[in-house]
């Protein structure tokens, strides 16, 4: 790379809110060409990349180009070093996620998150599972960043389109019809709602439907948060917000999820994975409807409807002492269960048509009778998410006005652990790479999660959450020897 420029891949501005991972831009700031090369070669398959070697050129670049996440070497030399660059970014781009590749002494506890910064040990790049950790971290930080940027855009879109609960619940089965009615009733009631169902059935979509069914929903905030993915020490700051100077790295006051959702709806996703000590803090906020930002004495009164979603059996977790009974009762004012697709296969064809319409720009597409039989005969273990992936793959390979059985035969079932993943969408390639890396290190530890967590230097609940997000935890309990 030349010393006088920042290398960057060309941009595509066709997507104003950056939903597609392949359009997300990662900026790598490192003085060493070898590090830029290694990290760049690893990440370029998943994201658009820009490479910089100095702080001053990076500041100039940030003023001209939108960036979704910035990776910075903590030993950046020059007048504008790593600290100065981070302070500049936080002052001028306060929502920009920053990942600092730091020395091992600075990150003995593994990945550490402070405010908008995540501090990651440089040794993470030495192993495949370490690179998978970095990949998942980048993906999570960008996803949270994109969600914040989408909030206003989505609200405007909903107002213009007059969206209702029916827009989020696609299908023609009696189950879907009942869910549409339930969403409308729940939206009008302001009761806390607990949504249960397997991974990928559409729990977050139902939550959006409930929100939209409420009074003046298009003008009220809708905020999502997955508490189980948060660093325990920063749980309160993420949920309740924090004052400036509340802890090291808190250079500005930050609104938390509850405050951002005030007057509207807060979705707490994967609530069943929340550790017990954090359940107590959440319960207090739910009961009192009053919060305080971390480091602040002022009370903030809440008018928030809570929706919690989980794929766990919370009643069993309450009996086993894994989930607080009092918190369960508070969240379970109205219970809605979404059955898996294998129990409502008449919804698959409408879902497939809906997703193809989103990704295909060549007019309407129908499914012939033989293809319909294949669709109905498959069990769809990945549920709605798997249907969406199939639609994207069909559109990526090019389809005419009719989907034929031979096209489906070569794509079903979709195996996420296959060797060749080059034809999958970026988010599926991320899952392939991450599954393979985590499976390898699990095998090396005889599928012992606690031993694996110690080796990876990550908290047990964090590793468990990652394995669950990769659909490895359920398989691990059943037949780890054949994964």
Protein backbone atom coordinates (compact mmCIF):
# COMPACT_ATOMS: atom_id res chain seq x y z
CA UNK A 1 0.00 0.00 0.00
CA UNK A 2 1.20 3.51 -0.77
CA UNK A 3 2.13 5.71 2.17
CA UNK A 4 0.08 8.56 0.72
CA UNK A 5 -3.37 7.13 0.44
CA UNK A 6 -6.06 5.02 2.00
CA UNK A 7 -6.97 1.96 0.01
CA UNK A 8 -10.72 1.46 -0.18
CA UNK A 9 -13.16 -0.72 -2.07
CA UNK A 10 -15.76 1.10 -4.21
CA UNK A 11 -19.03 2.03 -2.56
CA UNK A 12 -22.58 1.13 -3.46
CA UNK A 13 -25.13 3.69 -2.31
CA UNK A 14 -28.18 1.77 -3.47
CA UNK A 15 -29.00 0.77 0.12
CA UNK A 16 -29.55 3.86 2.30
CA UNK A 17 -29.50 2.03 5.61
CA UNK A 18 -26.86 -0.63 4.89
CA UNK A 19 -28.87 -3.76 5.57
CA UNK A 20 -26.73 -6.08 3.44
CA UNK A 21 -23.54 -7.18 5.15
CA UNK A 22 -21.70 -7.12 1.85
CA UNK A 23 -22.23 -3.33 1.81
CA UNK A 24 -20.96 -2.69 5.36
CA UNK A 25 -17.62 -0.88 5.47
CA UNK A 26 -14.84 -1.79 7.90
CA UNK A 27 -11.93 0.64 8.31
CA UNK A 28 -8.65 -0.95 9.46
CA UNK A 29 -6.10 1.48 10.92
CA UNK A 30 -2.69 -0.13 11.49
CA UNK A 31 0.86 1.07 10.77
CA UNK A 32 2.11 -2.39 9.85
CA UNK A 33 1.48 -3.49 6.22
CA UNK A 34 1.64 -7.16 7.27
CA UNK A 35 -1.17 -6.71 9.82
CA UNK A 36 -3.29 -4.77 7.35
CA UNK A 37 -2.73 -7.55 4.84
CA UNK A 38 -3.63 -10.38 7.25
CA UNK A 39 -6.72 -8.69 8.67
CA UNK A 40 -7.78 -7.38 5.27
CA UNK A 41 -7.48 -10.75 3.55
CA UNK A 42 -9.55 -12.31 6.31
CA UNK A 43 -12.36 -9.73 6.33
CA UNK A 44 -12.68 -8.82 2.65
CA UNK A 45 -14.85 -11.88 1.98
CA UNK A 46 -17.54 -10.48 4.28
CA UNK A 47 -17.31 -6.67 4.19
CA UNK A 48 -16.15 -3.70 2.14
CA UNK A 49 -12.71 -2.65 3.42
CA UNK A 50 -10.72 0.54 3.76
CA UNK A 51 -7.10 0.37 4.95
CA UNK A 52 -5.21 3.19 6.65
CA UNK A 53 -1.78 3.41 8.26
CA UNK A 54 -1.97 6.73 10.16
CA UNK A 55 -4.27 8.76 12.36
CA UNK A 56 -4.18 11.99 10.36
CA UNK A 57 -5.16 10.28 7.09
CA UNK A 58 -7.91 8.43 8.94
CA UNK A 59 -9.42 11.67 10.27
CA UNK A 60 -9.52 13.07 6.73
CA UNK A 61 -11.06 9.85 5.43
CA UNK A 62 -13.79 9.76 8.11
CA UNK A 63 -14.89 13.25 7.12
CA UNK A 64 -15.56 12.06 3.56
CA UNK A 65 -16.67 8.44 3.89
CA UNK A 66 -19.29 6.68 6.04
CA UNK A 67 -17.81 3.81 8.05
CA UNK A 68 -19.71 1.10 9.94
CA UNK A 69 -16.90 -0.01 12.27
CA UNK A 70 -13.27 1.02 12.81
CA UNK A 71 -10.45 -1.34 13.86
CA UNK A 72 -7.48 0.49 15.40
CA UNK A 73 -4.05 -0.71 16.52
CA UNK A 74 -3.40 0.70 20.01
CA UNK A 75 0.26 1.30 19.09
CA UNK A 76 -0.52 3.72 16.25
CA UNK A 77 2.52 6.03 15.94
CA UNK A 78 2.65 9.68 14.93
CA UNK A 79 1.26 12.93 16.24
CA UNK A 80 -2.26 11.53 16.09
CA UNK A 81 -1.92 8.19 17.83
CA UNK A 82 -4.58 5.67 18.78
CA UNK A 83 -5.91 7.61 21.78
CA UNK A 84 -6.15 10.89 19.87
CA UNK A 85 -7.85 9.16 16.95
CA UNK A 86 -10.37 7.42 19.21
CA UNK A 87 -11.13 10.68 21.05
CA UNK A 88 -11.68 12.41 17.70
CA UNK A 89 -13.98 9.64 16.46
CA UNK A 90 -16.00 9.58 19.69
CA UNK A 91 -16.40 13.37 19.65
CA UNK A 92 -17.38 13.64 15.99
CA UNK A 93 -18.99 10.24 15.35
CA UNK A 94 -20.29 9.21 18.80
CA UNK A 95 -22.20 6.16 17.50
CA UNK A 96 -19.32 4.71 15.47
CA UNK A 97 -18.32 1.26 16.85
CA UNK A 98 -14.56 1.09 17.51
CA UNK A 99 -12.57 -2.11 18.03
CA UNK A 100 -9.08 -1.63 19.47
CA UNK A 101 -6.49 -4.33 18.80
CA UNK A 102 -4.50 -4.00 22.00
CA UNK A 103 -1.60 -5.57 23.83
CA UNK A 104 -2.19 -8.67 25.88
CA UNK A 105 -1.57 -6.88 29.20
CA UNK A 106 -4.42 -4.47 28.42
CA UNK A 107 -6.90 -7.26 27.75
CA UNK A 108 -6.12 -10.07 30.14
CA UNK A 109 -9.84 -10.73 30.51
CA UNK A 110 -10.35 -11.21 26.80
CA UNK A 111 -12.71 -8.92 24.91
CA UNK A 112 -13.52 -5.85 27.03
CA UNK A 113 -16.17 -3.31 26.06
CA UNK A 114 -16.18 0.29 27.29
CA UNK A 115 -18.75 2.64 25.78
CA UNK A 116 -18.48 2.47 21.99
CA UNK A 117 -15.06 0.76 22.21
CA UNK A 118 -14.27 -2.94 22.33
CA UNK A 119 -10.71 -3.85 23.34
CA UNK A 120 -9.49 -7.09 21.77
CA UNK A 121 -6.09 -8.77 22.32
CA UNK A 122 -3.94 -8.90 19.19
CA UNK A 123 -3.30 -12.60 19.80
CA UNK A 124 -6.90 -13.17 18.68
CA UNK A 125 -5.65 -13.12 15.08
CA UNK A 126 -3.35 -16.12 15.56
CA UNK A 127 -6.01 -18.86 15.52
CA UNK A 128 -9.04 -19.62 13.40
CA UNK A 129 -11.40 -19.57 16.39
CA UNK A 130 -9.89 -16.25 17.46
CA UNK A 131 -10.58 -14.78 14.05
CA UNK A 132 -14.12 -16.16 14.29
CA UNK A 133 -14.49 -14.34 17.62
CA UNK A 134 -13.38 -11.11 15.97
CA UNK A 135 -15.75 -11.71 13.05
CA UNK A 136 -18.73 -12.24 15.35
CA UNK A 137 -17.80 -9.16 17.38
CA UNK A 138 -17.61 -7.00 14.25
CA UNK A 139 -20.92 -8.41 13.06
CA UNK A 140 -22.64 -7.72 16.39
CA UNK A 141 -21.26 -4.20 16.73
CA UNK A 142 -22.23 -3.26 13.17
CA UNK A 143 -25.66 -4.81 13.58
CA UNK A 144 -26.32 -2.71 16.69
CA UNK A 145 -25.00 0.40 14.90
CA UNK A 146 -27.19 -0.25 11.85
CA UNK A 147 -30.23 -0.78 14.07
CA UNK A 148 -29.74 2.67 15.60
CA UNK A 149 -29.38 4.26 12.15
CA UNK A 150 -32.48 2.44 10.87
CA UNK A 151 -34.84 3.59 13.65
CA UNK A 152 -35.81 6.95 12.14
CA UNK A 153 -35.79 5.55 8.59
CA UNK A 154 -38.10 2.68 9.53
CA UNK A 155 -40.49 4.99 11.36
CA UNK A 156 -40.77 7.22 8.31
CA UNK A 157 -41.25 4.20 6.04
CA UNK A 158 -43.99 2.82 8.29
CA UNK A 159 -45.80 6.14 8.27
CA UNK A 160 -45.62 6.45 4.49
CA UNK A 161 -46.65 2.87 3.80
CA UNK A 162 -49.31 2.66 6.54
CA UNK A 163 -47.87 -0.68 7.68
CA UNK A 164 -49.95 -2.89 9.96
CA UNK A 165 -49.44 -6.14 11.86
CA UNK A 166 -50.31 -8.12 8.73
CA UNK A 167 -47.21 -6.88 6.94
CA UNK A 168 -45.01 -8.78 9.39
CA UNK A 169 -47.00 -12.03 9.67
CA UNK A 170 -46.89 -13.75 6.29
CA UNK A 171 -48.89 -16.94 5.71
CA UNK A 172 -52.33 -18.43 5.18
CA UNK A 173 -52.56 -21.00 7.99
CA UNK A 174 -55.12 -20.72 10.82
CA UNK A 175 -52.14 -20.22 13.13
CA UNK A 176 -51.02 -17.08 11.32
CA UNK A 177 -54.59 -15.77 11.21
CA UNK A 178 -54.82 -16.26 14.99
CA UNK A 179 -51.43 -14.60 15.53
CA UNK A 180 -52.57 -11.55 13.55
CA UNK A 181 -55.61 -11.21 15.80
CA UNK A 182 -53.49 -11.74 18.91
CA UNK A 183 -51.02 -9.08 17.76
CA UNK A 184 -53.81 -6.53 17.37
CA UNK A 185 -55.28 -7.36 20.80
CA UNK A 186 -51.86 -7.24 22.46
CA UNK A 187 -50.97 -3.98 20.76
CA UNK A 188 -54.05 -2.28 22.13
CA UNK A 189 -53.69 -3.66 25.67
CA UNK A 190 -50.21 -2.34 26.65
CA UNK A 191 -49.64 -5.58 28.59
CA UNK A 192 -46.13 -7.03 28.76
CA UNK A 193 -45.87 -9.83 26.21
CA UNK A 194 -43.80 -13.02 26.29
CA UNK A 195 -43.20 -14.57 22.86
CA UNK A 196 -41.91 -18.15 22.70
CA UNK A 197 -40.87 -20.39 19.84
CA UNK A 198 -37.93 -22.09 18.19
CA UNK A 199 -35.04 -20.18 16.67
CA UNK A 200 -36.01 -18.56 13.38
CA UNK A 201 -39.82 -18.78 13.68
CA UNK A 202 -40.25 -14.99 13.55
CA UNK A 203 -40.46 -13.87 17.18
CA UNK A 204 -38.98 -10.44 16.45
CA UNK A 205 -41.40 -9.99 13.54
CA UNK A 206 -44.35 -10.74 15.82
CA UNK A 207 -42.95 -8.24 18.33
CA UNK A 208 -42.93 -5.57 15.59
CA UNK A 209 -46.49 -6.50 14.69
CA UNK A 210 -47.59 -6.06 18.31
CA UNK A 211 -45.90 -2.67 18.44
CA UNK A 212 -47.51 -1.50 15.18
CA UNK A 213 -50.95 -2.53 16.41
CA UNK A 214 -50.68 -0.04 19.26
CA UNK A 215 -52.12 3.45 19.29
CA UNK A 216 -50.07 5.94 17.21
CA UNK A 217 -47.42 3.24 16.80
CA UNK A 218 -45.69 4.85 13.81
CA UNK A 219 -44.75 7.87 15.93
CA UNK A 220 -43.61 5.86 18.97
CA UNK A 221 -40.12 4.35 19.42
CA UNK A 222 -39.44 0.65 18.97
CA UNK A 223 -36.13 -0.55 20.44
CA UNK A 224 -34.61 -4.05 20.49
CA UNK A 225 -31.92 -5.37 22.83
CA UNK A 226 -30.44 -8.84 23.39
CA UNK A 227 -29.29 -8.67 27.05
CA UNK A 228 -27.51 -12.03 26.90
CA UNK A 229 -24.89 -10.65 24.49
CA UNK A 230 -23.88 -7.80 26.79
CA UNK A 231 -20.78 -7.75 28.95
CA UNK A 232 -22.14 -8.18 32.53
CA UNK A 233 -20.23 -5.17 33.89
CA UNK A 234 -21.86 -2.92 31.27
CA UNK A 235 -25.37 -4.38 31.40
CA UNK A 236 -26.77 -1.51 33.45
CA UNK A 237 -25.15 1.10 31.20
CA UNK A 238 -26.62 -0.47 28.06
CA UNK A 239 -30.07 -0.90 29.58
CA UNK A 240 -30.35 2.27 31.68
CA UNK A 241 -27.78 4.57 30.07
CA UNK A 242 -24.90 6.32 31.82
CA UNK A 243 -23.74 9.81 32.73
CA UNK A 244 -20.54 11.33 31.42
CA UNK A 245 -17.59 10.10 33.49
CA UNK A 246 -19.61 7.25 35.05
CA UNK A 247 -16.74 4.86 34.27
CA UNK A 248 -13.48 4.77 32.35
CA UNK A 249 -14.14 5.59 28.71
CA UNK A 250 -17.55 7.21 29.32
CA UNK A 251 -16.60 10.43 27.56
CA UNK A 252 -20.21 11.46 26.96
CA UNK A 253 -23.64 10.74 28.41
CA UNK A 254 -25.46 7.82 26.79
CA UNK A 255 -29.16 7.03 26.59
CA UNK A 256 -29.97 3.43 27.51
CA UNK A 257 -32.46 1.07 25.89
CA UNK A 258 -35.26 1.78 28.39
CA UNK A 259 -34.99 5.53 27.97
CA UNK A 260 -34.76 5.26 24.18
CA UNK A 261 -37.96 3.19 24.17
CA UNK A 262 -39.87 5.48 26.55
CA UNK A 263 -43.39 5.99 25.27
CA UNK A 264 -43.08 2.97 22.99
CA UNK A 265 -41.93 -0.65 23.02
CA UNK A 266 -38.75 -2.37 24.22
CA UNK A 267 -38.07 -5.89 22.89
CA UNK A 268 -35.75 -7.94 25.10
CA UNK A 269 -34.66 -10.74 22.79
CA UNK A 270 -33.37 -14.13 24.03
CA UNK A 271 -34.37 -13.23 27.58
CA UNK A 272 -33.95 -16.86 28.68
CA UNK A 273 -30.16 -16.62 28.38
CA UNK A 274 -29.87 -13.71 30.81
CA UNK A 275 -27.70 -14.62 33.85
CA UNK A 276 -29.44 -14.65 37.22
CA UNK A 277 -27.55 -11.69 38.67
CA UNK A 278 -28.66 -9.53 35.74
CA UNK A 279 -32.25 -10.77 36.02
CA UNK A 280 -32.50 -9.06 39.41
CA UNK A 281 -31.51 -5.68 37.97
CA UNK A 282 -33.99 -6.05 35.15
CA UNK A 283 -36.77 -7.03 37.55
CA UNK A 284 -36.26 -3.88 39.60
CA UNK A 285 -36.73 -1.68 36.53
CA UNK A 286 -39.79 -3.65 35.37
CA UNK A 287 -41.47 -3.42 38.80
CA UNK A 288 -40.67 0.19 39.68
CA UNK A 289 -40.96 1.67 36.18
CA UNK A 290 -38.24 4.08 37.26
CA UNK A 291 -34.56 4.01 36.28
CA UNK A 292 -31.42 6.01 36.93
CA UNK A 293 -28.57 6.32 34.49
CA UNK A 294 -25.34 4.82 35.81
CA UNK A 295 -23.45 7.60 37.62
CA UNK A 296 -26.54 9.84 37.85
CA UNK A 297 -28.98 10.44 40.73
CA UNK A 298 -31.88 11.72 38.65
CA UNK A 299 -34.88 9.43 38.29
CA UNK A 300 -36.38 8.75 34.87
CA UNK A 301 -39.99 7.57 34.92
CA UNK A 302 -40.89 4.99 32.31
CA UNK A 303 -43.89 4.38 30.13
CA UNK A 304 -42.57 1.39 28.22
CA UNK A 305 -44.33 -1.73 27.06
CA UNK A 306 -42.01 -4.73 27.37
CA UNK A 307 -41.92 -7.63 24.93
CA UNK A 308 -39.64 -10.54 25.81
CA UNK A 309 -38.75 -13.34 23.39
CA UNK A 310 -37.10 -16.69 24.00
CA UNK A 311 -36.68 -20.16 22.51
CA UNK A 312 -36.20 -21.70 25.96
CA UNK A 313 -38.74 -23.38 28.21
CA UNK A 314 -38.89 -20.71 30.91
CA UNK A 315 -41.27 -22.69 33.13
CA UNK A 316 -38.68 -25.47 33.32
CA UNK A 317 -35.93 -22.90 33.92
CA UNK A 318 -37.94 -21.42 36.79
CA UNK A 319 -38.34 -24.91 38.33
CA UNK A 320 -34.60 -25.55 37.94
CA UNK A 321 -33.67 -22.17 39.46
CA UNK A 322 -32.22 -20.80 36.23
CA UNK A 323 -34.80 -18.05 35.82
CA UNK A 324 -36.43 -15.91 38.47
CA UNK A 325 -40.09 -16.74 39.07
CA UNK A 326 -40.99 -13.11 39.90
CA UNK A 327 -39.41 -11.80 36.67
CA UNK A 328 -41.16 -14.52 34.68
CA UNK A 329 -44.52 -13.50 36.14
CA UNK A 330 -43.90 -9.83 35.29
CA UNK A 331 -42.99 -10.60 31.69
CA UNK A 332 -45.70 -13.22 31.16
CA UNK A 333 -48.75 -10.96 31.35
CA UNK A 334 -49.70 -12.13 27.86
CA UNK A 335 -48.16 -15.28 26.37
CA UNK A 336 -47.89 -15.90 22.61
CA UNK A 337 -46.34 -19.06 21.18
CA UNK A 338 -45.27 -19.35 17.52
CA UNK A 339 -45.28 -22.96 16.28
CA UNK A 340 -42.42 -24.11 14.00
CA UNK A 341 -42.91 -24.17 10.23
CA UNK A 342 -43.06 -27.98 10.16
CA UNK A 343 -46.42 -27.68 11.97
CA UNK A 344 -47.83 -25.08 9.53
CA UNK A 345 -46.36 -25.94 6.14
CA UNK A 346 -49.08 -24.07 4.28
CA UNK A 347 -47.21 -20.90 5.29
CA UNK A 348 -43.98 -21.87 3.49
CA UNK A 349 -45.09 -21.04 -0.06
CA UNK A 350 -46.38 -17.54 0.84
CA UNK A 351 -43.20 -16.88 2.80
CA UNK A 352 -41.00 -18.01 -0.07
CA UNK A 353 -42.95 -15.82 -2.50
CA UNK A 354 -42.70 -12.85 -0.13
CA UNK A 355 -38.93 -13.12 0.30
CA UNK A 356 -38.32 -13.68 -3.42
CA UNK A 357 -40.29 -10.50 -4.09
CA UNK A 358 -37.91 -8.67 -1.73
CA UNK A 359 -34.73 -9.93 -3.44
CA UNK A 360 -35.84 -10.46 -7.05
CA UNK A 361 -36.33 -7.51 -9.39
CA UNK A 362 -37.60 -9.34 -12.46
CA UNK A 363 -41.32 -9.41 -11.71
CA UNK A 364 -43.50 -12.00 -9.96
CA UNK A 365 -42.33 -15.60 -9.55
CA UNK A 366 -44.49 -18.71 -9.10
CA UNK A 367 -43.68 -22.21 -7.87
CA UNK A 368 -44.74 -25.17 -10.04
CA UNK A 369 -46.65 -28.13 -8.58
CA UNK A 370 -43.61 -30.42 -8.20
CA UNK A 371 -41.66 -27.69 -6.46
CA UNK A 372 -44.64 -27.07 -4.16
CA UNK A 373 -44.57 -30.74 -3.14
CA UNK A 374 -40.88 -30.48 -2.28
CA UNK A 375 -41.54 -27.36 -0.22
CA UNK A 376 -44.33 -29.11 1.69
CA UNK A 377 -42.26 -32.27 2.21
CA UNK A 378 -39.30 -30.53 3.84
CA UNK A 379 -39.29 -29.96 7.61
CA UNK A 380 -37.57 -26.52 7.58
CA UNK A 381 -35.47 -26.92 10.75
CA UNK A 382 -34.29 -23.33 10.36
CA UNK A 383 -37.91 -22.13 10.13
CA UNK A 384 -38.62 -18.72 8.53
CA UNK A 385 -34.93 -17.82 8.53
CA UNK A 386 -34.17 -20.86 6.35
CA UNK A 387 -36.93 -19.90 3.89
CA UNK A 388 -35.42 -16.43 3.60
CA UNK A 389 -31.96 -17.88 2.95
CA UNK A 390 -33.37 -20.16 0.25
CA UNK A 391 -35.06 -17.18 -1.43
CA UNK A 392 -31.81 -15.23 -1.46
CA UNK A 393 -29.88 -18.14 -2.92
CA UNK A 394 -32.49 -18.68 -5.63
CA UNK A 395 -32.37 -15.00 -6.58
CA UNK A 396 -28.57 -14.96 -6.48
CA UNK A 397 -28.36 -17.87 -8.94
CA UNK A 398 -30.93 -16.31 -11.25
CA UNK A 399 -34.48 -17.50 -11.65
CA UNK A 400 -37.14 -17.06 -14.32
CA UNK A 401 -40.81 -16.60 -13.68
CA UNK A 402 -41.21 -20.16 -12.31
CA UNK A 403 -39.30 -22.11 -9.65
CA UNK A 404 -38.81 -25.77 -10.66
CA UNK A 405 -38.23 -28.83 -8.50
CA UNK A 406 -34.64 -29.36 -9.70
CA UNK A 407 -33.69 -25.91 -8.39
CA UNK A 408 -34.97 -26.83 -4.93
CA UNK A 409 -33.52 -30.34 -4.92
CA UNK A 410 -29.96 -29.04 -5.22
CA UNK A 411 -30.50 -26.49 -2.45
CA UNK A 412 -32.43 -28.44 0.17
CA UNK A 413 -31.53 -29.26 2.82
CA UNK A 414 -29.12 -26.32 3.28
CA UNK A 415 -26.18 -27.43 5.39
CA UNK A 416 -24.46 -24.58 7.19
CA UNK A 417 -21.43 -26.71 8.02
CA UNK A 418 -20.53 -27.76 4.50
CA UNK A 419 -16.98 -27.23 3.22
CA UNK A 420 -17.71 -24.92 0.28
CA UNK A 421 -19.64 -21.81 1.30
CA UNK A 422 -18.57 -19.43 -1.45
CA UNK A 423 -22.04 -19.29 -3.01
CA UNK A 424 -23.81 -18.37 0.23
CA UNK A 425 -24.81 -14.82 1.23
CA UNK A 426 -22.27 -13.00 3.49
CA UNK A 427 -24.15 -13.67 6.75
CA UNK A 428 -24.31 -17.39 5.94
CA UNK A 429 -20.58 -17.46 5.15
CA UNK A 430 -19.96 -15.87 8.54
CA UNK A 431 -21.98 -18.64 10.18
CA UNK A 432 -20.12 -21.32 8.19
CA UNK A 433 -16.70 -19.97 9.18
CA UNK A 434 -17.68 -19.42 12.81
CA UNK A 435 -19.37 -22.81 13.22
CA UNK A 436 -16.34 -24.59 11.79
CA UNK A 437 -13.92 -22.72 14.06
CA UNK A 438 -15.93 -23.18 17.24
CA UNK A 439 -16.61 -26.85 16.49
CA UNK A 440 -12.89 -27.46 16.13
CA UNK A 441 -12.01 -25.95 19.50
CA UNK A 442 -14.98 -27.71 21.16
CA UNK A 443 -13.75 -31.07 19.84
CA UNK A 444 -10.31 -30.33 21.25
CA UNK A 445 -11.93 -29.95 24.68
CA UNK A 446 -14.20 -33.01 24.43
CA UNK A 447 -17.21 -30.69 24.01
CA UNK A 448 -16.71 -29.24 27.48
CA UNK A 449 -18.03 -25.68 27.28
CA UNK A 450 -16.40 -24.43 30.48
CA UNK A 451 -13.01 -25.77 29.44
CA UNK A 452 -13.44 -24.22 26.02
CA UNK A 453 -14.39 -20.88 27.60
CA UNK A 454 -11.23 -20.92 29.73
CA UNK A 455 -9.05 -21.58 26.70
CA UNK A 456 -10.74 -18.83 24.67
CA UNK A 457 -10.53 -16.49 27.67
CA UNK A 458 -14.20 -15.53 27.46
CA UNK A 459 -16.95 -15.73 30.12
CA UNK A 460 -18.91 -18.98 30.15
CA UNK A 461 -22.26 -17.29 29.46
CA UNK A 462 -20.75 -15.37 26.53
CA UNK A 463 -19.47 -18.56 24.87
CA UNK A 464 -22.76 -20.31 25.55
CA UNK A 465 -24.64 -17.45 23.90
CA UNK A 466 -22.36 -17.63 20.84
CA UNK A 467 -22.81 -21.38 20.50
CA UNK A 468 -26.57 -20.92 20.74
CA UNK A 469 -26.58 -18.20 18.07
CA UNK A 470 -24.69 -20.60 15.78
CA UNK A 471 -27.19 -23.42 16.43
CA UNK A 472 -24.46 -25.49 18.07
CA UNK A 473 -25.73 -25.68 21.64
CA UNK A 474 -28.83 -27.74 20.89
CA UNK A 475 -26.88 -30.14 18.67
CA UNK A 476 -24.13 -30.35 21.27
CA UNK A 477 -26.53 -31.63 23.91
CA UNK A 478 -27.91 -34.25 21.54
CA UNK A 479 -25.12 -35.84 19.46
CA UNK A 480 -21.80 -34.01 19.75
CA UNK A 481 -19.98 -36.92 18.16
CA UNK A 482 -21.74 -36.47 14.80
CA UNK A 483 -21.70 -32.66 14.48
